Amino acid sequence: MSGYLTTHVLDTARGCPASGLKIDLYKVDGDTRTQITSLVTNADGRTDEQILPAAEFEVGVYELVFHAGAYLDAIGIPPEEPRFLDVIALRFGMSEASHYHVPLLLSPFGYSTYRGS
């Protein structure tokens, strides 16, 4: 099986998928971050394509950057100055050619993540 990467973003404050949330993916090599792609979540809170498809998969360290502040602005959550959560960067390792699923459970004042299936 080839490796690949997916995500699912859920807005736990509203109890629905987080639609329209921008996500960037970076490959991290020491102090160097290289952007691989930028996608936006669909109505189901997922991306329309794999974030890192099997054809581009490599083991290594990656970073998913979720633009939570822009999403919260877009859905009308009044911003405090500065917004408590703006950009959420999750750095993680992928050590084998397998499916990595990294969901984000999001609210204006907290988030959680895990390796899903």
C-alpha atoms as a PDB file:
ATOM      1  CA  MET A   1       0.000   0.000   0.000  1.00  0.00           C
ATOM      2  CA  SER A   2       1.235   3.466  -0.841  1.00  0.00           C
ATOM      3  CA  GLY A   3       1.087   6.254   1.693  1.00  0.00           C
ATOM      4  CA  TYR A   4      -1.132   9.298   1.465  1.00  0.00           C
ATOM      5  CA  LEU A   5      -2.476  12.065   3.709  1.00  0.00           C
ATOM      6  CA  THR A   6      -6.038  13.257   4.399  1.00  0.00           C
ATOM      7  CA  THR A   7      -7.798  15.480   6.926  1.00  0.00           C
ATOM      8  CA  HIS A   8     -11.282  16.300   8.170  1.00  0.00           C
ATOM      9  CA  VAL A   9     -12.043  19.570   9.969  1.00  0.00           C
ATOM     10  CA  LEU A  10     -15.062  19.749  12.261  1.00  0.00           C
ATOM     11  CA  ASP A  11     -16.387  22.923  13.856  1.00  0.00           C
ATOM     12  CA  THR A  12     -17.207  21.621  17.340  1.00  0.00           C
ATOM     13  CA  ALA A  13     -18.718  24.933  18.489  1.00  0.00           C
ATOM     14  CA  ARG A  14     -21.372  24.808  15.768  1.00  0.00           C
ATOM     15  CA  GLY A  15     -21.562  21.017  15.464  1.00  0.00           C
ATOM     16  CA  CYS A  16     -20.859  20.873  11.744  1.00  0.00           C
ATOM     17  CA  PRO A  17     -18.056  20.428   9.191  1.00  0.00           C
ATOM     18  CA  ALA A  18     -15.740  23.419   8.763  1.00  0.00           C
ATOM     19  CA  SER A  19     -16.378  24.374   5.146  1.00  0.00           C
ATOM     20  CA  GLY A  20     -14.113  26.860   3.368  1.00  0.00           C
ATOM     21  CA  LEU A  21     -11.113  26.516   5.697  1.00  0.00           C
ATOM     22  CA  LYS A  22      -7.743  26.984   3.963  1.00  0.00           C
ATOM     23  CA  ILE A  23      -5.058  24.373   4.690  1.00  0.00           C
ATOM     24  CA  ASP A  24      -1.400  24.497   3.638  1.00  0.00           C
ATOM     25  CA  LEU A  25       0.932  21.496   3.648  1.00  0.00           C
ATOM     26  CA  TYR A  26       4.678  21.849   4.131  1.00  0.00           C
ATOM     27  CA  LYS A  27       7.514  19.318   4.045  1.00  0.00           C
ATOM     28  CA  VAL A  28       9.984  20.021   6.859  1.00  0.00           C
ATOM     29  CA  ASP A  29      13.686  19.203   6.537  1.00  0.00           C
ATOM     30  CA  GLY A  30      15.637  20.555   9.505  1.00  0.00           C
ATOM     31  CA  ASP A  31      15.063  24.319   9.532  1.00  0.00           C
ATOM     32  CA  THR A  32      13.666  24.340   5.976  1.00  0.00           C
ATOM     33  CA  ARG A  33       9.917  24.327   5.266  1.00  0.00           C
ATOM     34  CA  THR A  34       8.835  23.758   1.674  1.00  0.00           C
ATOM     35  CA  GLN A  35       5.217  24.327   0.747  1.00  0.00           C
ATOM     36  CA  ILE A  36       3.729  21.397  -1.151  1.00  0.00           C
ATOM     37  CA  THR A  37       0.117  22.428  -1.608  1.00  0.00           C
ATOM     38  CA  SER A  38      -2.713  24.657  -0.471  1.00  0.00           C
ATOM     39  CA  LEU A  39      -6.309  23.403  -0.380  1.00  0.00           C
ATOM     40  CA  VAL A  40      -9.694  24.472   0.985  1.00  0.00           C
ATOM     41  CA  THR A  41     -12.186  22.262   2.789  1.00  0.00           C
ATOM     42  CA  ASN A  42     -15.460  21.403   1.079  1.00  0.00           C
ATOM     43  CA  ALA A  43     -18.988  21.259   2.550  1.00  0.00           C
ATOM     44  CA  ASP A  44     -18.071  18.040   4.393  1.00  0.00           C
ATOM     45  CA  GLY A  45     -14.980  19.635   6.028  1.00  0.00           C
ATOM     46  CA  ARG A  46     -12.656  17.521   3.863  1.00  0.00           C
ATOM     47  CA  THR A  47     -10.500  18.415   0.883  1.00  0.00           C
ATOM     48  CA  ASP A  48     -11.700  17.341  -2.557  1.00  0.00           C
ATOM     49  CA  GLU A  49      -8.428  15.505  -3.117  1.00  0.00           C
ATOM     50  CA  GLN A  50      -5.862  13.860  -0.879  1.00  0.00           C
ATOM     51  CA  ILE A  51      -3.633  16.478   0.707  1.00  0.00           C
ATOM     52  CA  LEU A  52      -0.598  14.387  -0.151  1.00  0.00           C
ATOM     53  CA  PRO A  53      -1.438  11.770  -2.786  1.00  0.00           C
ATOM     54  CA  ALA A  54       0.331   8.422  -3.036  1.00  0.00           C
ATOM     55  CA  ALA A  55       2.314   9.522  -6.103  1.00  0.00           C
ATOM     56  CA  GLU A  56       3.957  12.319  -4.051  1.00  0.00           C
ATOM     57  CA  PHE A  57       4.211  10.542  -0.694  1.00  0.00           C
ATOM     58  CA  GLU A  58       7.561  10.356   1.113  1.00  0.00           C
ATOM     59  CA  VAL A  59       8.228   9.461   4.720  1.00  0.00           C
ATOM     60  CA  GLY A  60       9.367  12.457   6.738  1.00  0.00           C
ATOM     61  CA  VAL A  61       8.256  15.407   8.805  1.00  0.00           C
ATOM     62  CA  TYR A  62       5.334  17.507   7.600  1.00  0.00           C
ATOM     63  CA  GLU A  63       3.313  20.458   8.805  1.00  0.00           C
ATOM     64  CA  LEU A  64      -0.364  21.106   8.211  1.00  0.00           C
ATOM     65  CA  VAL A  65      -1.272  24.771   8.646  1.00  0.00           C
ATOM     66  CA  PHE A  66      -4.971  25.438   9.277  1.00  0.00           C
ATOM     67  CA  HIS A  67      -6.086  29.046   8.737  1.00  0.00           C
ATOM     68  CA  ALA A  68      -8.616  29.031  11.580  1.00  0.00           C
ATOM     69  CA  GLY A  69      -8.825  32.800  12.075  1.00  0.00           C
ATOM     70  CA  ALA A  70      -9.852  33.451   8.476  1.00  0.00           C
ATOM     71  CA  TYR A  71     -12.436  30.661   8.750  1.00  0.00           C
ATOM     72  CA  LEU A  72     -13.850  32.100  11.981  1.00  0.00           C
ATOM     73  CA  ASP A  73     -13.990  35.552  10.370  1.00  0.00           C
ATOM     74  CA  ALA A  74     -15.824  34.121   7.344  1.00  0.00           C
ATOM     75  CA  ILE A  75     -18.517  32.450   9.461  1.00  0.00           C
ATOM     76  CA  GLY A  76     -19.103  35.619  11.488  1.00  0.00           C
ATOM     77  CA  ILE A  77     -17.455  34.814  14.814  1.00  0.00           C
ATOM     78  CA  PRO A  78     -16.610  38.258  16.267  1.00  0.00           C
ATOM     79  CA  PRO A  79     -12.849  38.579  16.575  1.00  0.00           C
ATOM     80  CA  GLU A  80     -11.144  39.594  19.764  1.00  0.00           C
ATOM     81  CA  GLU A  81      -7.894  41.544  19.357  1.00  0.00           C
ATOM     82  CA  PRO A  82      -5.820  39.568  18.788  1.00  0.00           C
ATOM     83  CA  ARG A  83      -7.862  36.491  17.916  1.00  0.00           C
ATOM     84  CA  PHE A  84      -7.051  33.623  20.321  1.00  0.00           C
ATOM     85  CA  LEU A  85      -6.675  31.078  17.491  1.00  0.00           C
ATOM     86  CA  ASP A  86      -5.522  32.369  14.138  1.00  0.00           C
ATOM     87  CA  VAL A  87      -3.153  29.951  12.423  1.00  0.00           C
ATOM     88  CA  ILE A  88      -2.865  26.387  13.757  1.00  0.00           C
ATOM     89  CA  ALA A  89       0.323  24.599  12.704  1.00  0.00           C
ATOM     90  CA  LEU A  90       0.510  20.848  13.330  1.00  0.00           C
ATOM     91  CA  ARG A  91       3.942  19.291  12.823  1.00  0.00           C
ATOM     92  CA  PHE A  92       4.003  15.505  12.623  1.00  0.00           C
ATOM     93  CA  GLY A  93       6.008  12.627  11.201  1.00  0.00           C
ATOM     94  CA  MET A  94       4.992   9.996   8.687  1.00  0.00           C
ATOM     95  CA  SER A  95       7.278   6.996   9.112  1.00  0.00           C
ATOM     96  CA  GLU A  96       5.743   4.381   6.830  1.00  0.00           C
ATOM     97  CA  ALA A  97       3.903   4.168   3.518  1.00  0.00           C
ATOM     98  CA  SER A  98       0.412   4.080   4.944  1.00  0.00           C
ATOM     99  CA  HIS A  99      -2.731   6.213   5.135  1.00  0.00           C
ATOM    100  CA  TYR A 100      -2.249   9.118   7.536  1.00  0.00           C
ATOM    101  CA  HIS A 101      -5.439  10.923   8.523  1.00  0.00           C
ATOM    102  CA  VAL A 102      -4.970  14.047  10.653  1.00  0.00           C
ATOM    103  CA  PRO A 103      -8.353  15.505  11.677  1.00  0.00           C
ATOM    104  CA  LEU A 104      -8.846  18.835  13.410  1.00  0.00           C
ATOM    105  CA  LEU A 105     -11.658  19.509  15.877  1.00  0.00           C
ATOM    106  CA  LEU A 106     -11.964  23.287  16.051  1.00  0.00           C
ATOM    107  CA  SER A 107     -13.723  25.928  18.140  1.00  0.00           C
ATOM    108  CA  PRO A 108     -12.890  29.634  18.598  1.00  0.00           C
ATOM    109  CA  PHE A 109     -10.968  28.932  21.813  1.00  0.00           C
ATOM    110  CA  GLY A 110      -9.544  25.439  21.391  1.00  0.00           C
ATOM    111  CA  TYR A 111      -8.716  22.564  19.098  1.00  0.00           C
ATOM    112  CA  SER A 112      -7.646  18.949  19.212  1.00  0.00           C
ATOM    113  CA  THR A 113      -6.157  16.514  16.759  1.00  0.00           C
ATOM    114  CA  TYR A 114      -5.094  12.880  16.568  1.00  0.00           C
ATOM    115  CA  ARG A 115      -3.989  10.261  14.071  1.00  0.00           C
ATOM    116  CA  GLY A 116      -7.244   8.986  12.665  1.00  0.00           C
ATOM    117  CA  SER A 117      -8.069   6.147  10.340  1.00  0.00           C
END
